[in-house]
C-alpha atoms as a PDB file:
ATOM      1  CA  MET A   1       0.000   0.000   0.000  1.00  0.00           C
ATOM      2  CA  SER A   2       1.423   3.374  -0.909  1.00  0.00           C
ATOM      3  CA  GLU A   3       2.316   5.930   1.733  1.00  0.00           C
ATOM      4  CA  THR A   4      -0.081   8.506   0.269  1.00  0.00           C
ATOM      5  CA  ARG A   5      -3.012   6.115   0.409  1.00  0.00           C
ATOM      6  CA  ARG A   6      -2.222   5.239   4.027  1.00  0.00           C
ATOM      7  CA  ASP A   7      -2.087   8.945   4.935  1.00  0.00           C
ATOM      8  CA  GLU A   8      -5.437   9.499   3.206  1.00  0.00           C
ATOM      9  CA  GLN A   9      -6.977   6.652   5.217  1.00  0.00           C
ATOM     10  CA  LYS A  10      -5.634   8.127   8.449  1.00  0.00           C
ATOM     11  CA  LEU A  11      -7.020  11.525   7.488  1.00  0.00           C
ATOM     12  CA  TRP A  12     -10.376   9.958   6.673  1.00  0.00           C
ATOM     13  CA  LEU A  13     -10.467   8.243  10.086  1.00  0.00           C
ATOM     14  CA  ILE A  14      -9.641  11.529  11.856  1.00  0.00           C
ATOM     15  CA  LEU A  15     -12.367  13.375   9.941  1.00  0.00           C
ATOM     16  CA  PHE A  16     -14.815  10.549  10.586  1.00  0.00           C
ATOM     17  CA  GLN A  17     -14.117  10.789  14.311  1.00  0.00           C
ATOM     18  CA  ILE A  18     -14.712  14.564  14.235  1.00  0.00           C
ATOM     19  CA  LYS A  19     -17.995  13.833  12.456  1.00  0.00           C
ATOM     20  CA  GLY A  20     -18.878  11.404  15.266  1.00  0.00           C
ATOM     21  CA  VAL A  21     -18.206  14.110  17.864  1.00  0.00           C
ATOM     22  CA  ARG A  22     -20.415  16.505  15.905  1.00  0.00           C
ATOM     23  CA  SER A  23     -23.204  13.937  15.660  1.00  0.00           C
ATOM     24  CA  ARG A  24     -23.104  13.220  19.377  1.00  0.00           C
ATOM     25  CA  LEU A  25     -23.154  16.921  20.321  1.00  0.00           C
ATOM     26  CA  ASN A  26     -26.046  17.606  17.932  1.00  0.00           C
ATOM     27  CA  PHE A  27     -27.926  14.584  19.268  1.00  0.00           C
ATOM     28  CA  LEU A  28     -27.551  15.902  22.825  1.00  0.00           C
ATOM     29  CA  ALA A  29     -28.833  19.303  21.678  1.00  0.00           C
ATOM     30  CA  MET A  30     -31.850  17.683  20.013  1.00  0.00           C
ATOM     31  CA  GLN A  31     -32.548  15.701  23.181  1.00  0.00           C
ATOM     32  CA  ARG A  32     -32.397  18.892  25.213  1.00  0.00           C
ATOM     33  CA  TRP A  33     -34.972  20.512  22.963  1.00  0.00           C
ATOM     34  CA  LEU A  34     -37.277  17.505  23.100  1.00  0.00           C
ATOM     35  CA  PHE A  35     -37.026  16.935  26.860  1.00  0.00           C
ATOM     36  CA  ALA A  36     -37.286  20.626  27.781  1.00  0.00           C
ATOM     37  CA  GLY A  37     -40.233  21.147  25.429  1.00  0.00           C
ATOM     38  CA  LEU A  38     -42.084  18.194  26.903  1.00  0.00           C
ATOM     39  CA  ALA A  39     -41.314  19.363  30.435  1.00  0.00           C
ATOM     40  CA  ILE A  40     -42.698  22.822  29.666  1.00  0.00           C
ATOM     41  CA  LEU A  41     -45.849  21.394  28.092  1.00  0.00           C
ATOM     42  CA  ILE A  42     -46.468  18.887  30.893  1.00  0.00           C
ATOM     43  CA  GLY A  43     -45.883  21.569  33.524  1.00  0.00           C
ATOM     44  CA  ALA A  44     -48.240  24.006  31.810  1.00  0.00           C
ATOM     45  CA  VAL A  45     -50.969  21.377  31.409  1.00  0.00           C
ATOM     46  CA  ALA A  46     -50.637  20.289  35.044  1.00  0.00           C
ATOM     47  CA  LEU A  47     -50.885  23.878  36.294  1.00  0.00           C
ATOM     48  CA  THR A  48     -53.874  24.476  34.014  1.00  0.00           C
ATOM     49  CA  PHE A  49     -55.691  21.456  35.468  1.00  0.00           C
ATOM     50  CA  PHE A  50     -54.842  22.612  38.976  1.00  0.00           C
ATOM     51  CA  ALA A  51     -56.157  26.103  38.171  1.00  0.00           C
ATOM     52  CA  ALA A  52     -59.351  24.646  36.664  1.00  0.00           C
ATOM     53  CA  ALA A  53     -59.995  22.604  39.780  1.00  0.00           C
ATOM     54  CA  SER A  54     -59.297  25.306  42.342  1.00  0.00           C
ATOM     55  CA  LEU A  55     -60.092  28.727  40.800  1.00  0.00           C
ATOM     56  CA  GLY A  56     -63.200  30.483  39.579  1.00  0.00           C
ATOM     57  CA  PRO A  57     -64.025  30.706  35.863  1.00  0.00           C
ATOM     58  CA  LEU A  58     -62.626  34.179  35.154  1.00  0.00           C
ATOM     59  CA  THR A  59     -59.519  33.662  37.249  1.00  0.00           C
ATOM     60  CA  PHE A  60     -58.996  30.294  35.574  1.00  0.00           C
ATOM     61  CA  LEU A  61     -59.280  31.919  32.147  1.00  0.00           C
ATOM     62  CA  GLY A  62     -56.619  34.493  33.037  1.00  0.00           C
ATOM     63  CA  VAL A  63     -54.295  31.840  34.479  1.00  0.00           C
ATOM     64  CA  ALA A  64     -54.819  29.567  31.450  1.00  0.00           C
ATOM     65  CA  ILE A  65     -53.985  32.379  29.020  1.00  0.00           C
ATOM     66  CA  PHE A  66     -50.908  33.294  31.065  1.00  0.00           C
ATOM     67  CA  LEU A  67     -49.751  29.658  31.154  1.00  0.00           C
ATOM     68  CA  LEU A  68     -50.301  29.299  27.414  1.00  0.00           C
ATOM     69  CA  LEU A  69     -48.191  32.379  26.704  1.00  0.00           C
ATOM     70  CA  ALA A  70     -45.505  31.269  29.163  1.00  0.00           C
ATOM     71  CA  ALA A  71     -45.336  27.828  27.529  1.00  0.00           C
ATOM     72  CA  ILE A  72     -45.057  29.335  24.049  1.00  0.00           C
ATOM     73  CA  VAL A  73     -42.310  31.719  25.174  1.00  0.00           C
ATOM     74  CA  GLY A  74     -40.495  28.871  26.955  1.00  0.00           C
ATOM     75  CA  ILE A  75     -40.579  26.618  23.906  1.00  0.00           C
ATOM     76  CA  ILE A  76     -39.435  29.423  21.598  1.00  0.00           C
ATOM     77  CA  ARG A  77     -36.610  30.293  24.004  1.00  0.00           C
ATOM     78  CA  GLU A  78     -35.522  26.670  24.204  1.00  0.00           C
ATOM     79  CA  THR A  79     -35.642  26.366  20.416  1.00  0.00           C
ATOM     80  CA  MET A  80     -33.398  29.408  20.045  1.00  0.00           C
ATOM     81  CA  LEU A  81     -30.945  28.059  22.628  1.00  0.00           C
ATOM     82  CA  VAL A  82     -30.750  24.660  20.976  1.00  0.00           C
ATOM     83  CA  ARG A  83     -30.291  26.180  17.522  1.00  0.00           C
ATOM     84  CA  ALA A  84     -27.351  28.114  18.935  1.00  0.00           C
ATOM     85  CA  MET A  85     -25.972  24.863  20.384  1.00  0.00           C
ATOM     86  CA  ARG A  86     -25.992  23.147  16.982  1.00  0.00           C
ATOM     87  CA  THR A  87     -22.475  22.170  16.098  1.00  0.00           C
ATOM     88  CA  SER A  88     -20.686  22.655  12.795  1.00  0.00           C
ATOM     89  CA  PRO A  89     -17.690  20.498  11.895  1.00  0.00           C
ATOM     90  CA  ALA A  90     -15.303  23.349  12.786  1.00  0.00           C
ATOM     91  CA  ARG A  91     -16.989  23.905  16.140  1.00  0.00           C
ATOM     92  CA  ALA A  92     -16.995  20.156  16.857  1.00  0.00           C
ATOM     93  CA  ALA A  93     -13.258  20.058  16.138  1.00  0.00           C
ATOM     94  CA  ALA A  94     -12.685  23.045  18.426  1.00  0.00           C
ATOM     95  CA  ILE A  95     -14.731  21.462  21.225  1.00  0.00           C
ATOM     96  CA  ALA A  96     -12.885  18.167  20.810  1.00  0.00           C
ATOM     97  CA  ASP A  97      -9.571  20.059  20.834  1.00  0.00           C
ATOM     98  CA  THR A  98     -10.462  21.756  24.084  1.00  0.00           C
ATOM     99  CA  ARG A  99     -11.899  18.751  25.892  1.00  0.00           C
ATOM    100  CA  SER A 100      -9.182  16.327  24.828  1.00  0.00           C
ATOM    101  CA  GLN A 101      -6.333  18.859  25.114  1.00  0.00           C
ATOM    102  CA  MET A 102      -5.207  18.370  21.522  1.00  0.00           C
ATOM    103  CA  LYS A 103      -3.845  21.944  21.273  1.00  0.00           C
ATOM    104  CA  GLY A 104      -5.607  22.825  18.020  1.00  0.00           C
ATOM    105  CA  ARG A 105      -4.574  19.738  16.058  1.00  0.00           C
ATOM    106  CA  LEU A 106      -8.109  18.745  15.100  1.00  0.00           C
ATOM    107  CA  THR A 107      -9.090  22.232  14.030  1.00  0.00           C
ATOM    108  CA  THR A 108      -5.932  22.491  11.948  1.00  0.00           C
ATOM    109  CA  VAL A 109      -6.468  19.089  10.313  1.00  0.00           C
ATOM    110  CA  LEU A 110     -10.066  19.975   9.498  1.00  0.00           C
ATOM    111  CA  ALA A 111      -9.126  23.377   8.084  1.00  0.00           C
ATOM    112  CA  LEU A 112      -6.240  22.112   5.980  1.00  0.00           C
ATOM    113  CA  ALA A 113      -7.870  18.875   4.789  1.00  0.00           C
ATOM    114  CA  ALA A 114      -9.676  20.619   1.949  1.00  0.00           C
ATOM    115  CA  THR A 115      -6.689  22.611   0.714  1.00  0.00           C
ATOM    116  CA  PRO A 116      -5.117  21.294  -2.493  1.00  0.00           C
ATOM    117  CA  LYS A 117      -1.543  22.321  -1.670  1.00  0.00           C
ATOM    118  CA  ARG A 118      -0.421  20.956   1.653  1.00  0.00           C
ATOM    119  CA  SER A 119       2.595  21.799   3.733  1.00  0.00           C
ATOM    120  CA  PRO A 120       5.540  19.391   3.888  1.00  0.00           C
ATOM    121  CA  LEU A 121       4.695  18.995   7.566  1.00  0.00           C
ATOM    122  CA  TRP A 122       1.169  17.789   6.754  1.00  0.00           C
ATOM    123  CA  ALA A 123       2.085  14.101   7.020  1.00  0.00           C
ATOM    124  CA  TYR A 124       3.541  14.678  10.500  1.00  0.00           C
ATOM    125  CA  LEU A 125       0.371  16.452  11.658  1.00  0.00           C
ATOM    126  CA  VAL A 126      -1.849  13.664  10.366  1.00  0.00           C
ATOM    127  CA  GLU A 127       0.374  10.980  11.907  1.00  0.00           C
ATOM    128  CA  ASP A 128       0.508  12.753  15.282  1.00  0.00           C
ATOM    129  CA  THR A 129      -3.235  13.342  15.345  1.00  0.00           C
ATOM    130  CA  TYR A 130      -3.965   9.796  14.235  1.00  0.00           C
ATOM    131  CA  GLY A 131      -1.711   8.464  17.004  1.00  0.00           C
ATOM    132  CA  ARG A 132      -3.824  10.334  19.557  1.00  0.00           C
ATOM    133  CA  ARG A 133      -7.202   9.284  18.154  1.00  0.00           C
ATOM    134  CA  GLU A 134      -8.291   7.596  21.387  1.00  0.00           C
ATOM    135  CA  GLU A 135      -8.101  10.962  23.145  1.00  0.00           C
ATOM    136  CA  PHE A 136     -10.803  12.528  20.968  1.00  0.00           C
ATOM    137  CA  GLU A 137     -13.251   9.672  20.612  1.00  0.00           C
ATOM    138  CA  PRO A 138     -16.871  10.854  20.757  1.00  0.00           C
ATOM    139  CA  ALA A 139     -17.447   8.926  23.989  1.00  0.00           C
ATOM    140  CA  ARG A 140     -14.601  10.827  25.656  1.00  0.00           C
ATOM    141  CA  VAL A 141     -15.432  14.265  24.286  1.00  0.00           C
ATOM    142  CA  ALA A 142     -19.156  14.029  25.121  1.00  0.00           C
ATOM    143  CA  PRO A 143     -19.542  11.137  27.578  1.00  0.00           C
ATOM    144  CA  ARG A 144     -23.265  11.627  28.245  1.00  0.00           C
ATOM    145  CA  TRP A 145     -25.814   9.592  26.287  1.00  0.00           C
ATOM    146  CA  LEU A 146     -28.811  11.523  27.616  1.00  0.00           C
ATOM    147  CA  SER A 147     -29.206  15.247  27.958  1.00  0.00           C
ATOM    148  CA  ARG A 148     -29.472  16.754  31.426  1.00  0.00           C
ATOM    149  CA  ALA A 149     -32.819  18.197  30.350  1.00  0.00           C
ATOM    150  CA  LEU A 150     -34.208  14.756  31.176  1.00  0.00           C
ATOM    151  CA  TYR A 151     -34.250  15.721  34.872  1.00  0.00           C
ATOM    152  CA  PRO A 152     -36.803  18.563  34.496  1.00  0.00           C
ATOM    153  CA  LEU A 153     -38.896  16.262  32.313  1.00  0.00           C
ATOM    154  CA  LEU A 154     -38.912  13.588  35.010  1.00  0.00           C
ATOM    155  CA  ALA A 155     -39.720  16.207  37.636  1.00  0.00           C
ATOM    156  CA  SER A 156     -42.685  17.461  35.595  1.00  0.00           C
ATOM    157  CA  ILE A 157     -44.164  13.993  35.359  1.00  0.00           C
END
């Protein structure tokens, strides 16, 4: 097998691992949106039922409208937060660099991978990064499988 082909395979494995980090971070963000949205809806419905059972008709109407608006604002706010949490490949590489203490190697590999003319030191960067691939595995960079937004959801049930 030629040296160039081996370097391309190593580069592909590095980029694939960065893609795995990105997928895991985006999956956690999606879970946060889902769990927080359900928690807001369940909480608003529970408070509406409580208000219906214990308040008069006009007071209940005011509380129900307030809860509806609060739930809509909460879901919109959570949607905006999660959209901001969405991770691009460059951001995933930067997060993996920070959490695995790779000192910018992943960001550099990702940025220079698409360039047609590579530095003579490119092979050394790929080899060094490939040798440290266990340090930036998705399970190490983002070890959680479930978002922490699960706790408010469980509390609302």
